[in-house]
């Protein structure tokens, strides 16, 4: 993670009360509810937004037509950071998503993601993982919060 001095101070201040687990050698069946994923700092580039718009079927250019980052793009980037930390087996389905946006994010802004596992249960042969996340600016102002649900066939979960 590359931070400039002011960002480092603000990030340390924001994260000072977090007690996150760094051991990701656990399998999904033993990942405890309350597990804090490693916070990640990002700067959202215009190219990323243009790529997102193209992939999502939108039109336009981030630098010319879109001064703010679409909320769904922010949510997708947060979810991607979480998935970089856990290994989902084949058959996993992104079953649900909700989010609340409190303030817009502009292309080029520094933001950071924080996420916590809020559910890890098995019902009817399926494992349900619910992950709650928040997105902040570098001054610790909450910009967005959301929840993603992933469903995995239990036979596929590594034990």
C-alpha atoms as a PDB file:
ATOM      1  CA  UNK A   1       0.000   0.000   0.000  1.00  0.00           C
ATOM      2  CA  UNK A   2       1.515   3.349  -1.033  1.00  0.00           C
ATOM      3  CA  UNK A   3       0.441   6.340   0.999  1.00  0.00           C
ATOM      4  CA  UNK A   4       1.619   9.905   1.138  1.00  0.00           C
ATOM      5  CA  UNK A   5       2.404  11.304   4.578  1.00  0.00           C
ATOM      6  CA  UNK A   6      -0.959  13.049   5.150  1.00  0.00           C
ATOM      7  CA  UNK A   7      -2.896  10.024   3.926  1.00  0.00           C
ATOM      8  CA  UNK A   8      -0.892   7.744   6.223  1.00  0.00           C
ATOM      9  CA  UNK A   9      -1.724   9.879   9.247  1.00  0.00           C
ATOM     10  CA  UNK A  10      -5.435   9.958   8.401  1.00  0.00           C
ATOM     11  CA  UNK A  11      -5.570   6.245   7.617  1.00  0.00           C
ATOM     12  CA  UNK A  12      -3.811   5.324  10.872  1.00  0.00           C
ATOM     13  CA  UNK A  13      -6.217   7.560  12.769  1.00  0.00           C
ATOM     14  CA  UNK A  14      -9.228   5.935  11.092  1.00  0.00           C
ATOM     15  CA  UNK A  15      -7.963   2.382  11.626  1.00  0.00           C
ATOM     16  CA  UNK A  16      -6.616   2.805  15.155  1.00  0.00           C
ATOM     17  CA  UNK A  17      -9.471   0.831  16.746  1.00  0.00           C
ATOM     18  CA  UNK A  18      -9.598  -2.027  14.212  1.00  0.00           C
ATOM     19  CA  UNK A  19      -8.413  -5.460  15.297  1.00  0.00           C
ATOM     20  CA  UNK A  20      -8.324  -7.254  11.962  1.00  0.00           C
ATOM     21  CA  UNK A  21      -7.179 -10.794  11.325  1.00  0.00           C
ATOM     22  CA  UNK A  22      -4.316 -11.200   8.876  1.00  0.00           C
ATOM     23  CA  UNK A  23      -4.306 -15.012   8.683  1.00  0.00           C
ATOM     24  CA  UNK A  24      -6.138 -15.774   5.451  1.00  0.00           C
ATOM     25  CA  UNK A  25      -4.981 -19.396   5.458  1.00  0.00           C
ATOM     26  CA  UNK A  26      -8.386 -20.302   6.917  1.00  0.00           C
ATOM     27  CA  UNK A  27     -10.969 -21.997   4.788  1.00  0.00           C
ATOM     28  CA  UNK A  28     -14.411 -20.464   4.328  1.00  0.00           C
ATOM     29  CA  UNK A  29     -16.140 -22.907   6.667  1.00  0.00           C
ATOM     30  CA  UNK A  30     -14.006 -21.728   9.597  1.00  0.00           C
ATOM     31  CA  UNK A  31     -13.881 -18.023   8.768  1.00  0.00           C
ATOM     32  CA  UNK A  32     -15.579 -16.498  11.836  1.00  0.00           C
ATOM     33  CA  UNK A  33     -18.449 -14.047  11.785  1.00  0.00           C
ATOM     34  CA  UNK A  34     -16.920 -10.696  12.687  1.00  0.00           C
ATOM     35  CA  UNK A  35     -13.758 -11.342  10.681  1.00  0.00           C
ATOM     36  CA  UNK A  36     -12.369  -7.990   9.531  1.00  0.00           C
ATOM     37  CA  UNK A  37     -10.887  -8.048   6.052  1.00  0.00           C
ATOM     38  CA  UNK A  38      -7.706  -6.072   5.484  1.00  0.00           C
ATOM     39  CA  UNK A  39      -8.530  -2.403   4.768  1.00  0.00           C
ATOM     40  CA  UNK A  40      -7.406  -1.281   1.323  1.00  0.00           C
ATOM     41  CA  UNK A  41      -6.602   2.203   0.014  1.00  0.00           C
ATOM     42  CA  UNK A  42      -7.424   2.995  -3.617  1.00  0.00           C
ATOM     43  CA  UNK A  43      -7.347   5.885  -6.011  1.00  0.00           C
ATOM     44  CA  UNK A  44     -10.078   5.459  -8.617  1.00  0.00           C
ATOM     45  CA  UNK A  45      -8.706   6.287 -12.054  1.00  0.00           C
ATOM     46  CA  UNK A  46     -10.602   7.602 -15.049  1.00  0.00           C
ATOM     47  CA  UNK A  47      -9.485   4.558 -17.056  1.00  0.00           C
ATOM     48  CA  UNK A  48     -11.006   2.191 -14.486  1.00  0.00           C
ATOM     49  CA  UNK A  49     -14.314   4.015 -14.703  1.00  0.00           C
ATOM     50  CA  UNK A  50     -14.256   4.023 -18.499  1.00  0.00           C
ATOM     51  CA  UNK A  51     -13.567   0.265 -18.426  1.00  0.00           C
ATOM     52  CA  UNK A  52     -16.407  -0.234 -15.933  1.00  0.00           C
ATOM     53  CA  UNK A  53     -18.851   1.791 -18.049  1.00  0.00           C
ATOM     54  CA  UNK A  54     -17.904  -0.209 -21.146  1.00  0.00           C
ATOM     55  CA  UNK A  55     -18.271  -3.539 -19.291  1.00  0.00           C
ATOM     56  CA  UNK A  56     -21.600  -2.506 -17.747  1.00  0.00           C
ATOM     57  CA  UNK A  57     -22.979  -1.408 -21.102  1.00  0.00           C
ATOM     58  CA  UNK A  58     -22.910   2.333 -20.483  1.00  0.00           C
ATOM     59  CA  UNK A  59     -21.728   5.069 -22.777  1.00  0.00           C
ATOM     60  CA  UNK A  60     -19.413   8.000 -22.342  1.00  0.00           C
ATOM     61  CA  UNK A  61     -16.035   8.802 -20.954  1.00  0.00           C
ATOM     62  CA  UNK A  62     -15.191   9.181 -17.273  1.00  0.00           C
ATOM     63  CA  UNK A  63     -12.963  12.170 -17.906  1.00  0.00           C
ATOM     64  CA  UNK A  64     -15.472  14.004 -20.128  1.00  0.00           C
ATOM     65  CA  UNK A  65     -18.983  12.909 -19.184  1.00  0.00           C
ATOM     66  CA  UNK A  66     -18.753  11.437 -15.707  1.00  0.00           C
ATOM     67  CA  UNK A  67     -17.189  13.619 -12.994  1.00  0.00           C
ATOM     68  CA  UNK A  68     -18.270  11.190 -10.274  1.00  0.00           C
ATOM     69  CA  UNK A  69     -17.736   7.482  -9.902  1.00  0.00           C
ATOM     70  CA  UNK A  70     -20.962   5.466 -10.356  1.00  0.00           C
ATOM     71  CA  UNK A  71     -22.029   3.968  -6.988  1.00  0.00           C
ATOM     72  CA  UNK A  72     -22.251   0.514  -8.555  1.00  0.00           C
ATOM     73  CA  UNK A  73     -18.628   0.829  -9.695  1.00  0.00           C
ATOM     74  CA  UNK A  74     -17.535   1.739  -6.154  1.00  0.00           C
ATOM     75  CA  UNK A  75     -19.422  -1.242  -4.805  1.00  0.00           C
ATOM     76  CA  UNK A  76     -17.845  -3.519  -7.427  1.00  0.00           C
ATOM     77  CA  UNK A  77     -14.350  -2.284  -6.522  1.00  0.00           C
ATOM     78  CA  UNK A  78     -14.990  -2.875  -2.811  1.00  0.00           C
ATOM     79  CA  UNK A  79     -16.281  -6.377  -3.541  1.00  0.00           C
ATOM     80  CA  UNK A  80     -13.259  -7.098  -5.749  1.00  0.00           C
ATOM     81  CA  UNK A  81     -10.905  -6.145  -2.908  1.00  0.00           C
ATOM     82  CA  UNK A  82     -12.697  -8.581  -0.586  1.00  0.00           C
ATOM     83  CA  UNK A  83     -12.530 -11.359  -3.177  1.00  0.00           C
ATOM     84  CA  UNK A  84      -8.791 -10.745  -3.554  1.00  0.00           C
ATOM     85  CA  UNK A  85      -8.472 -11.843   0.074  1.00  0.00           C
ATOM     86  CA  UNK A  86     -10.611 -15.002   0.010  1.00  0.00           C
ATOM     87  CA  UNK A  87     -10.654 -17.830  -2.484  1.00  0.00           C
ATOM     88  CA  UNK A  88     -14.142 -18.734  -3.613  1.00  0.00           C
ATOM     89  CA  UNK A  89     -14.634 -22.248  -4.963  1.00  0.00           C
ATOM     90  CA  UNK A  90     -16.371 -22.949  -8.251  1.00  0.00           C
ATOM     91  CA  UNK A  91     -20.142 -22.670  -8.074  1.00  0.00           C
ATOM     92  CA  UNK A  92     -20.123 -19.542  -5.901  1.00  0.00           C
ATOM     93  CA  UNK A  93     -22.940 -17.124  -6.750  1.00  0.00           C
ATOM     94  CA  UNK A  94     -23.146 -13.423  -5.925  1.00  0.00           C
ATOM     95  CA  UNK A  95     -26.739 -13.658  -4.714  1.00  0.00           C
ATOM     96  CA  UNK A  96     -27.479 -10.248  -3.316  1.00  0.00           C
ATOM     97  CA  UNK A  97     -26.278  -6.690  -3.037  1.00  0.00           C
ATOM     98  CA  UNK A  98     -27.493  -3.565  -1.313  1.00  0.00           C
ATOM     99  CA  UNK A  99     -25.779  -0.255  -0.793  1.00  0.00           C
ATOM    100  CA  UNK A 100     -26.344   3.239   0.493  1.00  0.00           C
ATOM    101  CA  UNK A 101     -24.376   6.157  -0.905  1.00  0.00           C
ATOM    102  CA  UNK A 102     -23.860   9.157   1.365  1.00  0.00           C
ATOM    103  CA  UNK A 103     -21.564  11.294  -0.758  1.00  0.00           C
ATOM    104  CA  UNK A 104     -20.229  11.113  -4.292  1.00  0.00           C
ATOM    105  CA  UNK A 105     -16.688  10.164  -5.215  1.00  0.00           C
ATOM    106  CA  UNK A 106     -14.843  11.884  -8.022  1.00  0.00           C
ATOM    107  CA  UNK A 107     -12.414  10.256 -10.399  1.00  0.00           C
ATOM    108  CA  UNK A 108      -8.943  10.562  -8.834  1.00  0.00           C
ATOM    109  CA  UNK A 109     -10.143  10.654  -5.209  1.00  0.00           C
ATOM    110  CA  UNK A 110      -8.312   8.603  -2.581  1.00  0.00           C
ATOM    111  CA  UNK A 111     -10.639   6.232  -0.783  1.00  0.00           C
ATOM    112  CA  UNK A 112     -10.328   3.167   1.404  1.00  0.00           C
ATOM    113  CA  UNK A 113     -12.451   0.087   1.897  1.00  0.00           C
ATOM    114  CA  UNK A 114     -13.181  -1.747   5.131  1.00  0.00           C
ATOM    115  CA  UNK A 115     -15.215  -4.969   5.292  1.00  0.00           C
ATOM    116  CA  UNK A 116     -16.443  -7.475   7.861  1.00  0.00           C
ATOM    117  CA  UNK A 117     -17.958 -10.942   7.570  1.00  0.00           C
ATOM    118  CA  UNK A 118     -21.449 -10.672   9.054  1.00  0.00           C
ATOM    119  CA  UNK A 119     -22.811 -14.136   8.227  1.00  0.00           C
ATOM    120  CA  UNK A 120     -21.284 -17.549   7.605  1.00  0.00           C
ATOM    121  CA  UNK A 121     -23.943 -20.228   7.817  1.00  0.00           C
ATOM    122  CA  UNK A 122     -25.186 -23.348   6.060  1.00  0.00           C
ATOM    123  CA  UNK A 123     -28.817 -23.919   5.043  1.00  0.00           C
ATOM    124  CA  UNK A 124     -30.153 -26.570   2.703  1.00  0.00           C
ATOM    125  CA  UNK A 125     -26.709 -27.604   1.464  1.00  0.00           C
ATOM    126  CA  UNK A 126     -25.599 -24.040   0.711  1.00  0.00           C
ATOM    127  CA  UNK A 127     -23.136 -21.850   2.575  1.00  0.00           C
ATOM    128  CA  UNK A 128     -24.234 -18.217   2.902  1.00  0.00           C
ATOM    129  CA  UNK A 129     -21.563 -15.580   3.357  1.00  0.00           C
ATOM    130  CA  UNK A 130     -22.675 -12.014   3.979  1.00  0.00           C
ATOM    131  CA  UNK A 131     -20.038  -9.301   3.870  1.00  0.00           C
ATOM    132  CA  UNK A 132     -20.708  -5.769   5.053  1.00  0.00           C
ATOM    133  CA  UNK A 133     -18.419  -3.056   3.785  1.00  0.00           C
ATOM    134  CA  UNK A 134     -17.858   0.659   4.145  1.00  0.00           C
ATOM    135  CA  UNK A 135     -16.025   3.108   1.940  1.00  0.00           C
ATOM    136  CA  UNK A 136     -14.371   6.219   3.365  1.00  0.00           C
ATOM    137  CA  UNK A 137     -12.447   9.184   2.074  1.00  0.00           C
ATOM    138  CA  UNK A 138      -9.006   9.891   3.518  1.00  0.00           C
ATOM    139  CA  UNK A 139     -10.545  12.198   6.152  1.00  0.00           C
ATOM    140  CA  UNK A 140     -12.573   9.270   7.563  1.00  0.00           C
ATOM    141  CA  UNK A 141     -15.853  10.550   6.110  1.00  0.00           C
ATOM    142  CA  UNK A 142     -18.095   7.580   5.289  1.00  0.00           C
ATOM    143  CA  UNK A 143     -19.068   7.686   1.623  1.00  0.00           C
ATOM    144  CA  UNK A 144     -20.901   4.393   1.164  1.00  0.00           C
ATOM    145  CA  UNK A 145     -21.937   1.265   2.996  1.00  0.00           C
ATOM    146  CA  UNK A 146     -23.176  -1.981   1.570  1.00  0.00           C
ATOM    147  CA  UNK A 147     -23.754  -5.676   2.020  1.00  0.00           C
ATOM    148  CA  UNK A 148     -23.011  -8.491  -0.411  1.00  0.00           C
ATOM    149  CA  UNK A 149     -24.282 -12.049  -0.100  1.00  0.00           C
ATOM    150  CA  UNK A 150     -22.436 -14.983  -1.638  1.00  0.00           C
ATOM    151  CA  UNK A 151     -23.942 -18.463  -1.836  1.00  0.00           C
ATOM    152  CA  UNK A 152     -21.689 -21.505  -2.263  1.00  0.00           C
ATOM    153  CA  UNK A 153     -22.686 -25.173  -2.686  1.00  0.00           C
ATOM    154  CA  UNK A 154     -21.596 -26.733   0.620  1.00  0.00           C
ATOM    155  CA  UNK A 155     -20.037 -29.748  -1.085  1.00  0.00           C
ATOM    156  CA  UNK A 156     -17.641 -27.321  -2.790  1.00  0.00           C
ATOM    157  CA  UNK A 157     -16.463 -25.580   0.393  1.00  0.00           C
ATOM    158  CA  UNK A 158     -12.936 -26.651   1.272  1.00  0.00           C
ATOM    159  CA  UNK A 159     -12.568 -28.151   4.754  1.00  0.00           C
END
